[in-house]
N, C-alpha and C. Protein backbone atom coordinates (compact mmCIF):
# COMPACT_ATOMS: atom_id res chain seq x y z
N LEU A 1 -14.14 -88.66 89.42
CA LEU A 1 -15.17 -89.10 89.19
C LEU A 1 -14.85 -90.69 89.81
N LEU A 2 -13.84 -90.94 89.60
CA LEU A 2 -13.78 -92.33 90.40
C LEU A 2 -14.09 -92.45 92.25
N GLU A 3 -13.81 -91.25 92.58
CA GLU A 3 -14.04 -91.11 93.74
C GLU A 3 -15.42 -90.88 94.68
N MET A 4 -16.35 -90.60 93.41
CA MET A 4 -17.65 -90.58 93.47
C MET A 4 -18.25 -91.79 93.49
N GLY A 5 -17.10 -92.85 92.70
CA GLY A 5 -18.15 -94.05 93.05
C GLY A 5 -18.19 -94.48 91.11
N ALA A 6 -17.87 -93.48 90.28
CA ALA A 6 -18.13 -94.13 88.97
C ALA A 6 -17.68 -95.32 88.64
N ASP A 7 -18.58 -96.07 87.92
CA ASP A 7 -17.62 -97.07 86.97
C ASP A 7 -17.65 -96.46 85.56
N LEU A 8 -16.39 -96.55 85.57
CA LEU A 8 -15.19 -95.94 84.28
C LEU A 8 -14.38 -96.42 84.10
N THR A 9 -13.77 -96.67 82.86
CA THR A 9 -12.42 -97.20 82.58
C THR A 9 -11.88 -96.29 81.16
N ILE A 10 -10.78 -96.23 81.35
CA ILE A 10 -9.95 -95.23 80.25
C ILE A 10 -9.33 -96.19 79.24
N GLU A 11 -9.84 -95.92 78.04
CA GLU A 11 -9.15 -96.89 76.93
C GLU A 11 -8.23 -96.41 76.10
N ASN A 12 -7.28 -96.46 75.25
CA ASN A 12 -6.39 -96.36 74.25
C ASN A 12 -5.81 -94.89 74.89
N GLU A 13 -5.45 -95.28 76.12
CA GLU A 13 -4.37 -93.88 76.27
C GLU A 13 -3.31 -93.66 75.83
N ARG A 14 -3.39 -92.27 75.50
CA ARG A 14 -1.98 -91.62 74.50
C ARG A 14 -2.00 -90.28 75.14
N LEU A 15 -0.59 -89.46 74.57
CA LEU A 15 -0.45 -88.17 74.84
C LEU A 15 -0.73 -87.51 73.25
N SER A 16 -1.36 -86.55 73.64
CA SER A 16 -1.83 -85.36 72.81
C SER A 16 -1.53 -84.02 73.15
N GLY A 17 -0.48 -83.06 72.54
CA GLY A 17 -0.15 -81.68 73.42
C GLY A 17 0.32 -81.93 74.77
N GLY A 18 1.17 -83.29 74.82
CA GLY A 18 1.46 -82.87 76.13
C GLY A 18 1.23 -83.41 77.34
N GLU A 19 -0.24 -83.76 76.95
CA GLU A 19 -1.23 -83.98 77.62
C GLU A 19 -1.51 -85.74 77.84
N ARG A 20 -1.85 -86.25 78.49
CA ARG A 20 -2.50 -87.54 78.50
C ARG A 20 -3.93 -87.62 78.64
N ILE A 21 -4.56 -88.10 77.47
CA ILE A 21 -5.98 -88.33 76.93
C ILE A 21 -6.31 -89.84 76.86
N GLY A 22 -7.81 -90.25 76.56
CA GLY A 22 -8.18 -91.68 76.21
C GLY A 22 -9.35 -91.36 76.11
N ASP A 23 -9.86 -92.65 75.56
CA ASP A 23 -11.76 -92.46 75.41
C ASP A 23 -12.08 -93.33 76.90
N VAL A 24 -13.52 -92.83 77.00
CA VAL A 24 -14.11 -93.06 78.50
C VAL A 24 -15.08 -93.79 78.36
N ARG A 25 -15.00 -94.99 78.65
CA ARG A 25 -15.92 -95.65 78.63
C ARG A 25 -16.79 -95.63 80.19
N VAL A 26 -18.32 -95.29 80.16
CA VAL A 26 -18.98 -94.64 81.16
C VAL A 26 -19.90 -95.82 81.70
N ARG A 27 -20.15 -96.85 82.59
CA ARG A 27 -21.48 -97.22 82.96
C ARG A 27 -22.57 -96.33 83.69
N HIS A 28 -23.47 -96.72 84.07
CA HIS A 28 -24.70 -96.58 85.22
C HIS A 28 -24.00 -96.60 86.42
N SER A 29 -23.69 -95.67 87.49
CA SER A 29 -23.48 -95.97 88.56
C SER A 29 -24.29 -95.20 89.87
N ALA A 30 -24.32 -95.66 91.03
CA ALA A 30 -24.63 -94.83 91.94
C ALA A 30 -23.15 -93.52 92.39
N LEU A 31 -23.39 -92.31 92.43
CA LEU A 31 -22.53 -91.76 92.77
C LEU A 31 -22.87 -90.89 94.41
N LYS A 32 -21.28 -90.48 94.93
CA LYS A 32 -21.93 -90.02 96.30
C LYS A 32 -20.97 -88.93 96.16
N GLY A 33 -21.38 -88.04 97.29
CA GLY A 33 -20.62 -86.49 96.87
C GLY A 33 -19.48 -86.86 97.53
N VAL A 34 -18.25 -86.17 97.27
CA VAL A 34 -17.15 -86.34 97.79
C VAL A 34 -16.68 -84.04 97.88
N VAL A 35 -15.27 -84.54 98.36
CA VAL A 35 -14.74 -83.07 98.74
C VAL A 35 -13.70 -83.07 97.68
N VAL A 36 -13.49 -82.23 96.88
CA VAL A 36 -12.60 -81.87 95.61
C VAL A 36 -11.59 -80.67 96.56
N PRO A 37 -10.38 -81.03 97.19
CA PRO A 37 -9.74 -80.14 97.51
C PRO A 37 -8.79 -79.13 96.90
N PRO A 38 -8.34 -77.83 97.30
CA PRO A 38 -7.88 -76.33 96.40
C PRO A 38 -6.77 -76.88 95.66
N GLU A 39 -5.87 -77.93 95.97
CA GLU A 39 -4.97 -78.02 95.48
C GLU A 39 -4.87 -78.73 94.04
N ARG A 40 -6.01 -79.53 93.76
CA ARG A 40 -6.35 -80.52 92.60
C ARG A 40 -7.14 -78.93 91.49
N ALA A 41 -7.53 -77.63 91.89
CA ALA A 41 -7.73 -77.41 90.94
C ALA A 41 -7.01 -76.71 89.99
N PRO A 42 -5.87 -76.69 89.82
CA PRO A 42 -4.98 -75.95 88.70
C PRO A 42 -4.64 -76.97 87.40
N ALA A 43 -5.20 -78.39 87.97
CA ALA A 43 -5.05 -79.22 86.78
C ALA A 43 -6.57 -79.98 86.15
N MET A 44 -7.35 -79.54 87.17
CA MET A 44 -9.06 -79.55 86.65
C MET A 44 -9.84 -78.46 86.34
N ILE A 45 -9.18 -77.09 85.93
CA ILE A 45 -9.97 -76.44 86.17
C ILE A 45 -11.27 -76.14 84.94
N ASP A 46 -10.89 -76.67 83.85
CA ASP A 46 -11.78 -76.45 83.02
C ASP A 46 -12.78 -77.60 82.83
N GLU A 47 -12.67 -78.65 83.67
CA GLU A 47 -13.50 -79.80 84.07
C GLU A 47 -14.39 -79.67 85.28
N TYR A 48 -14.40 -78.56 86.06
CA TYR A 48 -15.28 -78.04 87.11
C TYR A 48 -16.90 -78.05 86.66
N PRO A 49 -17.29 -77.76 85.05
CA PRO A 49 -18.67 -77.45 84.97
C PRO A 49 -19.25 -78.58 84.62
N ILE A 50 -18.55 -79.63 83.95
CA ILE A 50 -18.86 -81.00 84.12
C ILE A 50 -19.23 -81.92 85.63
N LEU A 51 -18.09 -81.34 86.39
CA LEU A 51 -18.22 -82.13 87.49
C LEU A 51 -19.47 -81.87 88.26
N ALA A 52 -19.90 -80.41 88.04
CA ALA A 52 -21.22 -79.86 88.87
C ALA A 52 -21.99 -80.69 88.32
N ILE A 53 -22.22 -81.03 87.34
CA ILE A 53 -23.45 -81.81 86.81
C ILE A 53 -23.25 -83.31 86.88
N ALA A 54 -22.14 -83.91 87.56
CA ALA A 54 -22.38 -84.96 87.82
C ALA A 54 -22.70 -84.59 89.37
N ALA A 55 -22.43 -83.81 90.34
CA ALA A 55 -22.55 -83.96 91.15
C ALA A 55 -24.00 -83.78 91.74
N ALA A 56 -24.54 -82.92 90.41
CA ALA A 56 -26.17 -82.82 90.77
C ALA A 56 -26.41 -84.29 91.08
N PHE A 57 -26.27 -85.25 90.68
CA PHE A 57 -27.12 -86.32 90.72
C PHE A 57 -26.24 -87.47 91.99
N ALA A 58 -25.19 -86.94 92.54
CA ALA A 58 -24.62 -87.86 93.56
C ALA A 58 -25.41 -87.88 94.79
N ALA A 59 -25.19 -88.79 95.67
CA ALA A 59 -26.16 -88.53 97.20
C ALA A 59 -25.04 -87.73 97.77
N GLY A 60 -25.56 -86.86 98.25
CA GLY A 60 -24.90 -86.17 99.11
C GLY A 60 -24.16 -84.92 98.59
N PRO A 61 -23.68 -84.04 99.57
CA PRO A 61 -22.99 -82.68 98.91
C PRO A 61 -21.72 -83.21 97.98
N THR A 62 -21.38 -82.21 97.43
CA THR A 62 -19.93 -82.39 96.36
C THR A 62 -19.64 -80.69 96.85
N VAL A 63 -18.14 -80.75 97.54
CA VAL A 63 -17.43 -79.45 97.87
C VAL A 63 -16.52 -79.60 96.97
N MET A 64 -16.64 -78.22 96.10
CA MET A 64 -15.10 -78.05 95.20
C MET A 64 -14.55 -76.76 95.75
N GLU A 65 -13.37 -76.60 96.31
CA GLU A 65 -12.64 -75.22 96.29
C GLU A 65 -11.13 -75.12 95.89
N GLY A 66 -11.20 -73.84 95.68
CA GLY A 66 -9.69 -73.25 94.96
C GLY A 66 -10.37 -72.85 93.56
N LEU A 67 -11.60 -72.30 93.51
CA LEU A 67 -12.02 -72.19 92.09
C LEU A 67 -12.00 -70.83 91.64
N GLU A 68 -10.83 -69.81 92.35
CA GLU A 68 -10.98 -68.47 91.84
C GLU A 68 -10.61 -68.20 90.23
N GLU A 69 -10.21 -69.23 89.65
CA GLU A 69 -9.63 -68.62 88.49
C GLU A 69 -10.90 -69.11 87.45
N LEU A 70 -11.97 -70.16 88.13
CA LEU A 70 -13.39 -70.10 87.07
C LEU A 70 -13.98 -68.51 86.78
N ARG A 71 -13.42 -67.60 87.91
CA ARG A 71 -14.18 -66.10 87.85
C ARG A 71 -13.63 -65.40 86.29
N VAL A 72 -12.33 -65.97 85.85
CA VAL A 72 -11.93 -65.26 84.83
C VAL A 72 -11.64 -65.72 83.66
N LYS A 73 -12.37 -66.76 83.59
CA LYS A 73 -12.13 -68.28 82.20
C LYS A 73 -13.13 -66.95 81.12
N GLU A 74 -13.71 -67.68 79.86
CA GLU A 74 -14.59 -67.02 79.07
C GLU A 74 -15.48 -66.31 79.74
N SER A 75 -16.34 -66.48 80.71
CA SER A 75 -16.96 -66.22 81.65
C SER A 75 -16.93 -66.07 82.95
N ASP A 76 -17.41 -65.67 83.82
CA ASP A 76 -17.58 -66.21 85.34
C ASP A 76 -18.20 -67.46 85.29
N ARG A 77 -17.50 -68.47 85.17
CA ARG A 77 -17.66 -69.87 84.63
C ARG A 77 -18.37 -70.10 86.33
N LEU A 78 -17.67 -69.89 87.25
CA LEU A 78 -18.37 -70.19 88.62
C LEU A 78 -19.94 -69.62 88.99
N ALA A 79 -20.06 -68.51 88.73
CA ALA A 79 -21.50 -67.95 88.76
C ALA A 79 -22.65 -68.52 88.01
N ALA A 80 -21.68 -68.47 86.24
CA ALA A 80 -22.95 -69.54 85.53
C ALA A 80 -22.84 -70.90 85.90
N VAL A 81 -22.37 -71.48 86.29
CA VAL A 81 -22.49 -72.84 86.66
C VAL A 81 -23.50 -73.15 87.88
N ALA A 82 -23.32 -71.96 89.02
CA ALA A 82 -24.58 -71.92 90.11
C ALA A 82 -25.63 -71.28 89.74
N ARG A 83 -25.74 -70.13 88.84
CA ARG A 83 -27.33 -70.03 88.08
C ARG A 83 -27.92 -70.97 86.95
N GLY A 84 -27.06 -71.89 86.42
CA GLY A 84 -27.50 -73.01 85.56
C GLY A 84 -28.26 -73.74 86.62
N LEU A 85 -27.27 -74.34 87.67
CA LEU A 85 -27.89 -75.39 88.37
C LEU A 85 -29.23 -75.22 89.10
N GLU A 86 -29.32 -74.16 89.55
CA GLU A 86 -30.51 -73.29 90.20
C GLU A 86 -31.83 -73.24 89.34
N ALA A 87 -31.54 -73.11 88.21
CA ALA A 87 -32.19 -72.93 87.26
C ALA A 87 -32.88 -74.18 86.86
N ASN A 88 -31.96 -75.14 87.21
CA ASN A 88 -32.40 -76.21 87.08
C ASN A 88 -32.89 -77.56 88.21
N GLY A 89 -33.46 -76.76 89.53
CA GLY A 89 -33.76 -77.09 90.59
C GLY A 89 -32.47 -77.96 91.41
N ILE A 90 -31.34 -77.75 91.21
CA ILE A 90 -30.60 -78.32 92.02
C ILE A 90 -29.45 -77.55 92.94
N GLY A 91 -29.94 -77.54 94.36
CA GLY A 91 -29.63 -76.90 95.36
C GLY A 91 -28.00 -76.65 95.17
N CYS A 92 -27.20 -75.32 95.23
CA CYS A 92 -26.01 -75.24 95.31
C CYS A 92 -25.49 -73.79 96.43
N VAL A 93 -24.38 -74.11 96.58
CA VAL A 93 -24.06 -72.68 97.31
C VAL A 93 -22.39 -72.12 96.48
N GLU A 94 -22.78 -71.10 95.92
CA GLU A 94 -21.70 -70.29 95.28
C GLU A 94 -20.92 -69.48 96.06
N GLY A 95 -19.48 -69.74 96.59
CA GLY A 95 -18.71 -69.15 97.45
C GLY A 95 -17.54 -68.18 96.63
N GLU A 96 -16.70 -67.38 97.27
CA GLU A 96 -15.94 -66.54 96.48
C GLU A 96 -15.18 -67.75 95.08
N ALA A 97 -14.24 -68.61 95.99
CA ALA A 97 -13.99 -69.71 95.26
C ALA A 97 -14.25 -71.01 95.64
N SER A 98 -15.29 -71.30 95.61
CA SER A 98 -16.12 -72.40 96.22
C SER A 98 -17.31 -72.71 95.50
N LEU A 99 -18.02 -74.27 95.32
CA LEU A 99 -19.07 -74.45 94.90
C LEU A 99 -19.38 -75.96 95.77
N VAL A 100 -20.42 -75.45 96.24
CA VAL A 100 -20.95 -76.83 96.81
C VAL A 100 -22.28 -77.01 96.29
N VAL A 101 -22.62 -78.47 95.66
CA VAL A 101 -23.91 -79.04 95.08
C VAL A 101 -24.35 -80.17 95.93
N ASP A 102 -25.92 -79.62 96.05
CA ASP A 102 -26.27 -80.62 97.43
C ASP A 102 -26.43 -81.62 96.67
N GLY A 103 -26.40 -82.18 95.82
CA GLY A 103 -26.76 -83.73 95.34
C GLY A 103 -28.48 -83.59 94.72
N ARG A 104 -28.63 -84.68 94.70
CA ARG A 104 -30.23 -84.94 94.58
C ARG A 104 -30.87 -85.62 95.45
N LYS A 105 -31.76 -84.94 95.53
CA LYS A 105 -32.49 -85.22 96.63
C LYS A 105 -33.92 -86.20 96.13
N ALA A 106 -33.93 -87.16 97.33
CA ALA A 106 -35.18 -88.33 96.97
C ALA A 106 -36.70 -87.44 96.48
N GLY A 107 -36.85 -87.94 95.60
CA GLY A 107 -38.18 -87.55 94.87
C GLY A 107 -37.68 -85.94 93.82
N ALA A 108 -36.74 -85.53 94.13
CA ALA A 108 -36.41 -84.08 93.40
C ALA A 108 -36.28 -84.24 91.65
N ARG A 109 -36.99 -83.11 91.54
CA ARG A 109 -37.06 -83.31 89.97
C ARG A 109 -35.64 -82.19 89.62
N ILE A 110 -35.23 -82.52 88.29
CA ILE A 110 -34.27 -82.08 87.77
C ILE A 110 -34.30 -81.54 86.32
N GLY A 111 -34.34 -80.24 86.14
CA GLY A 111 -34.24 -79.98 84.61
C GLY A 111 -35.58 -78.88 84.53
N GLY A 112 -35.58 -78.35 83.27
CA GLY A 112 -36.83 -77.37 82.99
C GLY A 112 -36.71 -76.36 83.29
N GLY A 113 -35.01 -76.09 83.08
CA GLY A 113 -34.79 -74.54 83.45
C GLY A 113 -34.06 -73.96 82.22
N THR A 114 -33.62 -72.94 81.86
CA THR A 114 -32.99 -72.13 80.75
C THR A 114 -31.64 -72.00 81.31
N VAL A 115 -30.29 -71.92 80.75
CA VAL A 115 -29.18 -71.45 80.95
C VAL A 115 -28.56 -70.39 80.36
N ALA A 116 -28.05 -69.41 80.64
CA ALA A 116 -27.22 -68.71 80.07
C ALA A 116 -25.71 -69.13 80.09
N THR A 117 -25.38 -69.14 78.90
CA THR A 117 -24.28 -69.46 78.63
C THR A 117 -23.00 -68.33 78.62
N HIS A 118 -23.44 -67.44 78.16
CA HIS A 118 -22.31 -66.01 78.42
C HIS A 118 -21.47 -66.49 77.39
N LEU A 119 -21.96 -67.33 76.16
CA LEU A 119 -20.84 -67.10 74.86
C LEU A 119 -19.74 -68.19 75.31
N ASP A 120 -20.00 -69.25 76.42
CA ASP A 120 -18.65 -70.05 76.86
C ASP A 120 -19.25 -71.57 76.61
N HIS A 121 -18.70 -72.05 76.04
CA HIS A 121 -18.73 -73.48 75.26
C HIS A 121 -18.52 -74.30 76.24
N ARG A 122 -17.81 -74.33 77.18
CA ARG A 122 -18.04 -75.25 78.61
C ARG A 122 -19.07 -75.11 79.58
N ILE A 123 -19.91 -74.10 79.52
CA ILE A 123 -21.10 -73.99 79.99
C ILE A 123 -22.15 -74.30 79.16
N ALA A 124 -22.41 -74.33 78.26
CA ALA A 124 -23.21 -74.62 77.04
C ALA A 124 -22.91 -76.69 76.88
N MET A 125 -21.91 -77.36 77.08
CA MET A 125 -21.95 -78.77 76.62
C MET A 125 -22.36 -79.25 78.08
N SER A 126 -21.98 -78.41 79.23
CA SER A 126 -22.30 -79.33 80.73
C SER A 126 -23.68 -79.23 80.83
N PHE A 127 -24.31 -78.24 80.56
CA PHE A 127 -25.86 -78.78 80.45
C PHE A 127 -26.68 -79.15 79.51
N LEU A 128 -25.91 -79.21 78.47
CA LEU A 128 -26.73 -80.10 77.71
C LEU A 128 -26.29 -81.76 77.84
N VAL A 129 -25.26 -81.79 78.22
CA VAL A 129 -25.10 -83.26 78.70
C VAL A 129 -26.02 -82.98 80.56
N LEU A 130 -26.36 -82.52 81.14
CA LEU A 130 -27.19 -82.38 82.32
C LEU A 130 -28.84 -83.07 81.74
N GLY A 131 -29.11 -82.28 80.33
CA GLY A 131 -30.52 -82.64 79.96
C GLY A 131 -30.60 -83.76 79.46
N LEU A 132 -29.51 -84.81 78.96
CA LEU A 132 -29.85 -86.56 78.93
C LEU A 132 -30.09 -86.59 80.17
N ALA A 133 -29.90 -86.45 81.27
CA ALA A 133 -30.32 -87.43 82.49
C ALA A 133 -31.19 -86.61 83.10
N ALA A 134 -31.93 -85.73 82.97
CA ALA A 134 -32.55 -84.47 83.74
C ALA A 134 -34.16 -85.19 83.51
N ASP A 135 -35.09 -84.76 84.25
CA ASP A 135 -36.40 -85.39 84.25
C ASP A 135 -37.24 -84.57 83.16
N ALA A 136 -36.57 -83.25 83.20
CA ALA A 136 -37.37 -82.64 81.87
C ALA A 136 -36.52 -81.80 81.23
N ALA A 137 -36.90 -81.06 80.15
CA ALA A 137 -35.62 -80.56 79.08
C ALA A 137 -34.95 -79.47 79.42
N VAL A 138 -33.61 -79.24 79.25
CA VAL A 138 -32.65 -78.19 80.09
C VAL A 138 -32.34 -77.56 78.80
N SER A 139 -32.58 -76.18 78.33
CA SER A 139 -32.17 -75.46 77.43
C SER A 139 -30.97 -74.38 77.65
N VAL A 140 -30.33 -74.46 76.52
CA VAL A 140 -29.58 -73.18 76.71
C VAL A 140 -29.50 -72.35 75.79
N ASP A 141 -28.87 -70.88 76.01
CA ASP A 141 -29.42 -69.63 75.13
C ASP A 141 -28.73 -69.30 74.10
N ASP A 142 -27.51 -70.65 73.86
CA ASP A 142 -26.75 -70.25 72.38
C ASP A 142 -25.96 -71.88 72.52
N THR A 143 -25.58 -72.33 71.03
CA THR A 143 -24.59 -73.35 71.03
C THR A 143 -23.65 -73.46 69.93
N ALA A 144 -23.71 -72.11 69.44
CA ALA A 144 -22.86 -72.15 68.23
C ALA A 144 -21.25 -71.99 68.76
N MET A 145 -21.03 -71.80 69.87
CA MET A 145 -19.68 -71.54 69.75
C MET A 145 -19.24 -72.89 70.09
N ILE A 146 -20.09 -74.20 70.68
CA ILE A 146 -19.01 -75.47 70.82
C ILE A 146 -18.88 -75.99 69.52
N ALA A 147 -19.16 -75.62 68.26
CA ALA A 147 -18.50 -76.15 67.03
C ALA A 147 -17.34 -75.79 66.88
N THR A 148 -16.81 -74.64 67.70
CA THR A 148 -15.28 -74.31 67.64
C THR A 148 -14.23 -75.08 68.33
N SER A 149 -14.82 -75.31 69.51
CA SER A 149 -14.08 -76.06 70.34
C SER A 149 -14.31 -77.85 70.41
N PHE A 150 -15.64 -78.35 69.77
CA PHE A 150 -16.00 -79.58 69.95
C PHE A 150 -16.97 -79.75 68.56
N PRO A 151 -16.48 -79.69 67.29
CA PRO A 151 -17.16 -80.09 65.86
C PRO A 151 -18.17 -81.06 66.19
N SER A 152 -17.89 -82.11 66.69
CA SER A 152 -18.52 -83.62 66.86
C SER A 152 -19.79 -83.51 68.03
N PHE A 153 -19.57 -82.59 68.78
CA PHE A 153 -20.15 -82.64 70.20
C PHE A 153 -21.64 -82.86 69.67
N ARG A 154 -22.59 -82.55 69.29
CA ARG A 154 -23.70 -82.71 68.70
C ARG A 154 -24.23 -83.75 68.24
N GLY A 155 -23.45 -84.23 67.24
CA GLY A 155 -23.86 -85.82 66.57
C GLY A 155 -23.56 -86.71 67.86
N LEU A 156 -22.24 -86.27 68.57
CA LEU A 156 -22.42 -87.24 70.15
C LEU A 156 -23.68 -87.51 70.64
N MET A 157 -24.29 -86.23 71.26
CA MET A 157 -25.15 -85.89 72.07
C MET A 157 -26.44 -86.74 71.37
N GLU A 158 -26.55 -86.76 69.81
CA GLU A 158 -27.98 -86.99 69.27
C GLU A 158 -27.36 -88.47 69.59
N GLY A 159 -26.40 -89.00 69.42
CA GLY A 159 -26.30 -90.65 69.54
C GLY A 159 -26.52 -91.24 70.69
N LEU A 160 -26.59 -90.39 71.62
CA LEU A 160 -26.97 -90.51 73.16
C LEU A 160 -28.51 -90.35 73.34
N GLY A 161 -29.03 -89.69 72.29
CA GLY A 161 -30.20 -89.78 72.64
C GLY A 161 -30.82 -88.40 72.85
N ALA A 162 -30.21 -87.18 72.57
CA ALA A 162 -30.46 -86.02 72.97
C ALA A 162 -30.76 -85.19 71.83
N VAL A 163 -31.97 -84.25 71.90
CA VAL A 163 -33.13 -83.64 70.68
C VAL A 163 -32.74 -82.47 70.90
N PHE A 164 -32.32 -81.97 69.84
CA PHE A 164 -31.82 -80.61 70.10
C PHE A 164 -33.11 -79.91 69.15
N ALA A 165 -33.63 -78.95 69.72
CA ALA A 165 -34.65 -77.74 69.02
C ALA A 165 -34.29 -76.49 69.07
N GLU A 166 -34.51 -75.52 68.19
CA GLU A 166 -34.25 -74.03 68.46
C GLU A 166 -35.73 -73.72 68.72
N VAL A 167 -35.17 -72.66 69.81
CA VAL A 167 -36.46 -71.82 70.46
C VAL A 167 -36.55 -70.20 70.13
């Protein structure tokens, strides 16, 4: 995100379970597309769904490579992300182990689609985040699995202005 031009800071850095964690403070900023090389994939494999959402709002394409592991997560996350982006008016090209997200085109509307989560909490959360910035509502087919991995997600999203409605 920093390479994309995101205005963010990490506060309260600490270790948890052997991993560095912290509180991320984000401010609105213009993002630009980047190339994420395959050697980064192992360290950030679970972050690619939300990175694809950020890439949807970037100027220019974002190329993510080395994503073969996404095919064997809780779902085929690579395919699920690509179909979710397409359902919401975001151009992308899915490769065997890559994803290219076109970025937002001038005047293009984002949102209005329904995303099949395949019971994958990261797919559900990522596309609900898309809904916060989209021009039209974004629907996901299930949210129940989110409570297992991130029980406070809904409350945090509502605090940011998200509106949840059962359909």
